[in-house]
């Protein structure tokens, strides 16, 4: 390949990467704006006790990459709303709790947030996550059974024993972020 052609390929590659980065920033900005509108539009109904609105607010606010709850995305606050919805037998809220506690805190096509999460990491409590996924399954949440089965395959024996105790009711199933992730 000629030097001119190699230079064009390298410059073109850098150009595409720069464009992808700019597009990612623009897309993430649009996602944040959409999440803020969803939370704002549902907050009054959520505060009034509507489970679907609580789920929408909790999902929209999920999740802070630092898990400390600074800024719009706030893991503890998101979990609080999801717990309220799950307490009213909202299956998708229970599934989202399972996803959060399994470490899967970024939903959808959120490239920049997924990359940031890979570097920041996330707190997990996989036995609790499994129990919430199973709860979601009993409540009819779509994809809960597959998520629970996939997670079960990765659990160690001690995690399976703890998860089974929560699923069967021999041990209480915690929900609140601070109860599940101590010291957070």
C-alpha atoms as a PDB file:
ATOM      1  CA  UNK A   1       0.000   0.000   0.000  1.00  0.00           C
ATOM      2  CA  UNK A   2       1.356   3.377  -0.916  1.00  0.00           C
ATOM      3  CA  UNK A   3       2.275   5.962   1.706  1.00  0.00           C
ATOM      4  CA  UNK A   4      -0.473   8.263   0.459  1.00  0.00           C
ATOM      5  CA  UNK A   5      -3.079   5.515   0.728  1.00  0.00           C
ATOM      6  CA  UNK A   6      -1.912   4.503   4.246  1.00  0.00           C
ATOM      7  CA  UNK A   7      -2.041   8.117   5.361  1.00  0.00           C
ATOM      8  CA  UNK A   8      -5.572   8.461   3.995  1.00  0.00           C
ATOM      9  CA  UNK A   9      -6.659   5.274   5.830  1.00  0.00           C
ATOM     10  CA  UNK A  10      -5.127   6.460   9.123  1.00  0.00           C
ATOM     11  CA  UNK A  11      -6.651   9.940   8.818  1.00  0.00           C
ATOM     12  CA  UNK A  12     -10.001   8.471   7.835  1.00  0.00           C
ATOM     13  CA  UNK A  13      -9.944   6.148  10.845  1.00  0.00           C
ATOM     14  CA  UNK A  14      -9.163   9.030  13.198  1.00  0.00           C
ATOM     15  CA  UNK A  15     -11.913  11.057  11.581  1.00  0.00           C
ATOM     16  CA  UNK A  16     -14.456   8.276  12.105  1.00  0.00           C
ATOM     17  CA  UNK A  17     -13.397   7.843  15.735  1.00  0.00           C
ATOM     18  CA  UNK A  18     -13.700  11.578  16.365  1.00  0.00           C
ATOM     19  CA  UNK A  19     -17.133  11.630  14.726  1.00  0.00           C
ATOM     20  CA  UNK A  20     -18.235   8.603  16.778  1.00  0.00           C
ATOM     21  CA  UNK A  21     -17.094  10.361  19.957  1.00  0.00           C
ATOM     22  CA  UNK A  22     -19.012  13.515  19.055  1.00  0.00           C
ATOM     23  CA  UNK A  23     -22.073  11.475  18.108  1.00  0.00           C
ATOM     24  CA  UNK A  24     -21.789   9.593  21.414  1.00  0.00           C
ATOM     25  CA  UNK A  25     -21.711  12.843  23.372  1.00  0.00           C
ATOM     26  CA  UNK A  26     -24.705  14.184  21.461  1.00  0.00           C
ATOM     27  CA  UNK A  27     -26.626  10.926  21.930  1.00  0.00           C
ATOM     28  CA  UNK A  28     -25.844  10.819  25.645  1.00  0.00           C
ATOM     29  CA  UNK A  29     -26.967  14.427  25.996  1.00  0.00           C
ATOM     30  CA  UNK A  30     -30.274  13.524  24.354  1.00  0.00           C
ATOM     31  CA  UNK A  31     -30.643  10.493  26.643  1.00  0.00           C
ATOM     32  CA  UNK A  32     -30.063  12.622  29.753  1.00  0.00           C
ATOM     33  CA  UNK A  33     -32.632  15.157  28.569  1.00  0.00           C
ATOM     34  CA  UNK A  34     -35.154  12.370  27.885  1.00  0.00           C
ATOM     35  CA  UNK A  35     -34.536  10.768  31.303  1.00  0.00           C
ATOM     36  CA  UNK A  36     -35.039  14.124  33.040  1.00  0.00           C
ATOM     37  CA  UNK A  37     -38.350  14.636  31.229  1.00  0.00           C
ATOM     38  CA  UNK A  38     -39.534  11.115  32.142  1.00  0.00           C
ATOM     39  CA  UNK A  39     -38.641  11.655  35.802  1.00  0.00           C
ATOM     40  CA  UNK A  40     -40.231  15.112  35.886  1.00  0.00           C
ATOM     41  CA  UNK A  41     -43.426  13.962  34.164  1.00  0.00           C
ATOM     42  CA  UNK A  42     -43.873  11.056  36.591  1.00  0.00           C
ATOM     43  CA  UNK A  43     -42.629  12.482  39.883  1.00  0.00           C
ATOM     44  CA  UNK A  44     -45.974  13.712  41.241  1.00  0.00           C
ATOM     45  CA  UNK A  45     -47.692  10.388  40.510  1.00  0.00           C
ATOM     46  CA  UNK A  46     -44.721   8.514  41.991  1.00  0.00           C
ATOM     47  CA  UNK A  47     -44.927  10.579  45.167  1.00  0.00           C
ATOM     48  CA  UNK A  48     -48.658   9.811  45.292  1.00  0.00           C
ATOM     49  CA  UNK A  49     -47.863   6.070  45.306  1.00  0.00           C
ATOM     50  CA  UNK A  50     -48.409   5.054  41.666  1.00  0.00           C
ATOM     51  CA  UNK A  51     -46.221   1.968  41.082  1.00  0.00           C
ATOM     52  CA  UNK A  52     -45.788   2.500  37.331  1.00  0.00           C
ATOM     53  CA  UNK A  53     -44.724   6.109  37.886  1.00  0.00           C
ATOM     54  CA  UNK A  54     -42.329   5.006  40.651  1.00  0.00           C
ATOM     55  CA  UNK A  55     -40.809   2.499  38.228  1.00  0.00           C
ATOM     56  CA  UNK A  56     -40.427   5.137  35.516  1.00  0.00           C
ATOM     57  CA  UNK A  57     -38.766   7.620  37.890  1.00  0.00           C
ATOM     58  CA  UNK A  58     -36.447   4.933  39.294  1.00  0.00           C
ATOM     59  CA  UNK A  59     -35.487   3.686  35.848  1.00  0.00           C
ATOM     60  CA  UNK A  60     -34.908   7.216  34.549  1.00  0.00           C
ATOM     61  CA  UNK A  61     -32.615   8.071  37.484  1.00  0.00           C
ATOM     62  CA  UNK A  62     -30.579   4.884  37.179  1.00  0.00           C
ATOM     63  CA  UNK A  63     -27.689   4.967  37.789  1.00  0.00           C
ATOM     64  CA  UNK A  64     -24.780   7.069  38.975  1.00  0.00           C
ATOM     65  CA  UNK A  65     -21.398   5.816  37.886  1.00  0.00           C
ATOM     66  CA  UNK A  66     -19.848   6.772  41.217  1.00  0.00           C
ATOM     67  CA  UNK A  67     -22.832   5.276  43.108  1.00  0.00           C
ATOM     68  CA  UNK A  68     -22.668   8.187  45.502  1.00  0.00           C
ATOM     69  CA  UNK A  69     -25.752   9.821  44.138  1.00  0.00           C
ATOM     70  CA  UNK A  70     -24.343  13.062  42.798  1.00  0.00           C
ATOM     71  CA  UNK A  71     -26.060  14.675  39.845  1.00  0.00           C
ATOM     72  CA  UNK A  72     -29.227  13.551  38.102  1.00  0.00           C
ATOM     73  CA  UNK A  73     -28.293   9.871  37.919  1.00  0.00           C
ATOM     74  CA  UNK A  74     -28.453   8.641  41.505  1.00  0.00           C
ATOM     75  CA  UNK A  75     -28.242   4.923  42.281  1.00  0.00           C
ATOM     76  CA  UNK A  76     -29.525   5.045  45.878  1.00  0.00           C
ATOM     77  CA  UNK A  77     -32.445   7.305  44.941  1.00  0.00           C
ATOM     78  CA  UNK A  78     -33.223   5.225  41.848  1.00  0.00           C
ATOM     79  CA  UNK A  79     -33.272   2.047  43.939  1.00  0.00           C
ATOM     80  CA  UNK A  80     -35.550   3.756  46.461  1.00  0.00           C
ATOM     81  CA  UNK A  81     -38.184   4.429  43.805  1.00  0.00           C
ATOM     82  CA  UNK A  82     -37.807   0.945  42.337  1.00  0.00           C
ATOM     83  CA  UNK A  83     -38.215  -0.600  45.811  1.00  0.00           C
ATOM     84  CA  UNK A  84     -41.497   1.303  46.270  1.00  0.00           C
ATOM     85  CA  UNK A  85     -42.776  -0.002  42.934  1.00  0.00           C
ATOM     86  CA  UNK A  86     -41.565  -3.560  43.599  1.00  0.00           C
ATOM     87  CA  UNK A  87     -43.315  -3.511  46.995  1.00  0.00           C
ATOM     88  CA  UNK A  88     -46.525  -3.037  44.983  1.00  0.00           C
ATOM     89  CA  UNK A  89     -45.722  -6.117  42.861  1.00  0.00           C
ATOM     90  CA  UNK A  90     -44.369  -4.244  39.851  1.00  0.00           C
ATOM     91  CA  UNK A  91     -42.450  -6.948  37.956  1.00  0.00           C
ATOM     92  CA  UNK A  92     -40.273  -4.691  35.805  1.00  0.00           C
ATOM     93  CA  UNK A  93     -39.175  -2.765  38.912  1.00  0.00           C
ATOM     94  CA  UNK A  94     -38.150  -6.052  40.565  1.00  0.00           C
ATOM     95  CA  UNK A  95     -36.207  -7.012  37.435  1.00  0.00           C
ATOM     96  CA  UNK A  96     -34.457  -3.634  37.316  1.00  0.00           C
ATOM     97  CA  UNK A  97     -33.436  -4.114  40.964  1.00  0.00           C
ATOM     98  CA  UNK A  98     -31.967  -7.484  40.025  1.00  0.00           C
ATOM     99  CA  UNK A  99     -30.058  -5.914  37.152  1.00  0.00           C
ATOM    100  CA  UNK A 100     -28.708  -3.118  39.347  1.00  0.00           C
ATOM    101  CA  UNK A 101     -27.554  -5.494  42.089  1.00  0.00           C
ATOM    102  CA  UNK A 102     -25.938  -7.752  39.487  1.00  0.00           C
ATOM    103  CA  UNK A 103     -23.874  -4.783  38.276  1.00  0.00           C
ATOM    104  CA  UNK A 104     -25.794  -4.151  35.049  1.00  0.00           C
ATOM    105  CA  UNK A 105     -26.628  -0.501  35.698  1.00  0.00           C
ATOM    106  CA  UNK A 106     -26.671   0.866  32.145  1.00  0.00           C
ATOM    107  CA  UNK A 107     -29.677   0.111  29.947  1.00  0.00           C
ATOM    108  CA  UNK A 108     -30.008   0.504  26.214  1.00  0.00           C
ATOM    109  CA  UNK A 109     -27.562   1.964  23.721  1.00  0.00           C
ATOM    110  CA  UNK A 110     -25.549   4.150  26.078  1.00  0.00           C
ATOM    111  CA  UNK A 111     -22.047   3.689  24.679  1.00  0.00           C
ATOM    112  CA  UNK A 112     -20.338   6.415  26.712  1.00  0.00           C
ATOM    113  CA  UNK A 113     -22.001   5.323  29.971  1.00  0.00           C
ATOM    114  CA  UNK A 114     -21.105   1.673  29.313  1.00  0.00           C
ATOM    115  CA  UNK A 115     -17.454   2.571  28.727  1.00  0.00           C
ATOM    116  CA  UNK A 116     -17.408   4.746  31.844  1.00  0.00           C
ATOM    117  CA  UNK A 117     -19.006   1.934  33.874  1.00  0.00           C
ATOM    118  CA  UNK A 118     -16.302  -0.477  32.723  1.00  0.00           C
ATOM    119  CA  UNK A 119     -13.699   1.848  34.221  1.00  0.00           C
ATOM    120  CA  UNK A 120     -15.686   2.887  37.306  1.00  0.00           C
ATOM    121  CA  UNK A 121     -17.063  -0.572  38.054  1.00  0.00           C
ATOM    122  CA  UNK A 122     -20.198  -1.105  40.096  1.00  0.00           C
ATOM    123  CA  UNK A 123     -21.089  -2.630  43.432  1.00  0.00           C
ATOM    124  CA  UNK A 124     -22.747  -6.010  43.224  1.00  0.00           C
ATOM    125  CA  UNK A 125     -24.593  -8.370  45.488  1.00  0.00           C
ATOM    126  CA  UNK A 126     -25.333 -11.266  43.195  1.00  0.00           C
ATOM    127  CA  UNK A 127     -27.399 -13.368  45.618  1.00  0.00           C
ATOM    128  CA  UNK A 128     -29.743 -10.416  46.170  1.00  0.00           C
ATOM    129  CA  UNK A 129     -29.769  -9.760  42.428  1.00  0.00           C
ATOM    130  CA  UNK A 130     -30.819 -13.342  41.715  1.00  0.00           C
ATOM    131  CA  UNK A 131     -33.583 -13.214  44.327  1.00  0.00           C
ATOM    132  CA  UNK A 132     -34.963  -9.997  42.797  1.00  0.00           C
ATOM    133  CA  UNK A 133     -34.848 -11.538  39.327  1.00  0.00           C
ATOM    134  CA  UNK A 134     -36.777 -14.567  40.575  1.00  0.00           C
ATOM    135  CA  UNK A 135     -39.288 -12.229  42.237  1.00  0.00           C
ATOM    136  CA  UNK A 136     -39.645 -10.441  38.906  1.00  0.00           C
ATOM    137  CA  UNK A 137     -40.196 -13.796  37.223  1.00  0.00           C
ATOM    138  CA  UNK A 138     -43.068 -14.645  39.605  1.00  0.00           C
ATOM    139  CA  UNK A 139     -44.556 -11.232  38.827  1.00  0.00           C
ATOM    140  CA  UNK A 140     -44.465 -11.968  35.081  1.00  0.00           C
ATOM    141  CA  UNK A 141     -41.645  -9.631  34.056  1.00  0.00           C
ATOM    142  CA  UNK A 142     -40.441 -10.264  30.536  1.00  0.00           C
ATOM    143  CA  UNK A 143     -36.875 -11.687  30.329  1.00  0.00           C
ATOM    144  CA  UNK A 144     -36.666 -12.235  34.099  1.00  0.00           C
ATOM    145  CA  UNK A 145     -36.375 -16.025  33.788  1.00  0.00           C
ATOM    146  CA  UNK A 146     -33.466 -15.828  31.338  1.00  0.00           C
ATOM    147  CA  UNK A 147     -31.679 -13.189  33.417  1.00  0.00           C
ATOM    148  CA  UNK A 148     -32.119 -15.271  36.568  1.00  0.00           C
ATOM    149  CA  UNK A 149     -30.924 -18.468  34.853  1.00  0.00           C
ATOM    150  CA  UNK A 150     -27.860 -16.746  33.417  1.00  0.00           C
ATOM    151  CA  UNK A 151     -26.953 -15.297  36.801  1.00  0.00           C
ATOM    152  CA  UNK A 152     -27.573 -18.604  38.648  1.00  0.00           C
ATOM    153  CA  UNK A 153     -25.031 -20.304  36.397  1.00  0.00           C
ATOM    154  CA  UNK A 154     -22.372 -17.831  37.590  1.00  0.00           C
ATOM    155  CA  UNK A 155     -23.119 -17.989  41.324  1.00  0.00           C
ATOM    156  CA  UNK A 156     -20.782 -19.742  43.745  1.00  0.00           C
ATOM    157  CA  UNK A 157     -22.256 -22.345  46.098  1.00  0.00           C
ATOM    158  CA  UNK A 158     -22.415 -19.911  49.028  1.00  0.00           C
ATOM    159  CA  UNK A 159     -24.163 -17.308  46.859  1.00  0.00           C
ATOM    160  CA  UNK A 160     -26.649 -19.944  45.673  1.00  0.00           C
ATOM    161  CA  UNK A 161     -27.452 -20.931  49.248  1.00  0.00           C
ATOM    162  CA  UNK A 162     -28.028 -17.297  50.247  1.00  0.00           C
ATOM    163  CA  UNK A 163     -30.084 -16.606  47.116  1.00  0.00           C
ATOM    164  CA  UNK A 164     -32.225 -19.701  47.697  1.00  0.00           C
ATOM    165  CA  UNK A 165     -32.891 -18.606  51.281  1.00  0.00           C
ATOM    166  CA  UNK A 166     -34.148 -15.230  50.016  1.00  0.00           C
ATOM    167  CA  UNK A 167     -36.239 -16.765  47.231  1.00  0.00           C
ATOM    168  CA  UNK A 168     -37.943 -19.219  49.611  1.00  0.00           C
ATOM    169  CA  UNK A 169     -38.476 -16.625  52.341  1.00  0.00           C
ATOM    170  CA  UNK A 170     -36.163 -18.237  54.916  1.00  0.00           C
ATOM    171  CA  UNK A 171     -34.214 -14.992  54.778  1.00  0.00           C
ATOM    172  CA  UNK A 172     -35.623 -11.533  54.071  1.00  0.00           C
ATOM    173  CA  UNK A 173     -34.971  -9.984  50.681  1.00  0.00           C
ATOM    174  CA  UNK A 174     -33.399  -6.571  51.207  1.00  0.00           C
ATOM    175  CA  UNK A 175     -34.180  -3.788  48.795  1.00  0.00           C
ATOM    176  CA  UNK A 176     -32.773  -0.431  49.920  1.00  0.00           C
ATOM    177  CA  UNK A 177     -29.333   0.359  48.476  1.00  0.00           C
ATOM    178  CA  UNK A 178     -27.772   1.019  51.893  1.00  0.00           C
ATOM    179  CA  UNK A 179     -29.077  -2.301  53.240  1.00  0.00           C
ATOM    180  CA  UNK A 180     -27.714  -4.273  50.309  1.00  0.00           C
ATOM    181  CA  UNK A 181     -24.428  -2.434  49.703  1.00  0.00           C
ATOM    182  CA  UNK A 182     -23.145  -1.575  53.211  1.00  0.00           C
ATOM    183  CA  UNK A 183     -20.846   1.396  53.524  1.00  0.00           C
ATOM    184  CA  UNK A 184     -22.067   2.998  50.308  1.00  0.00           C
END
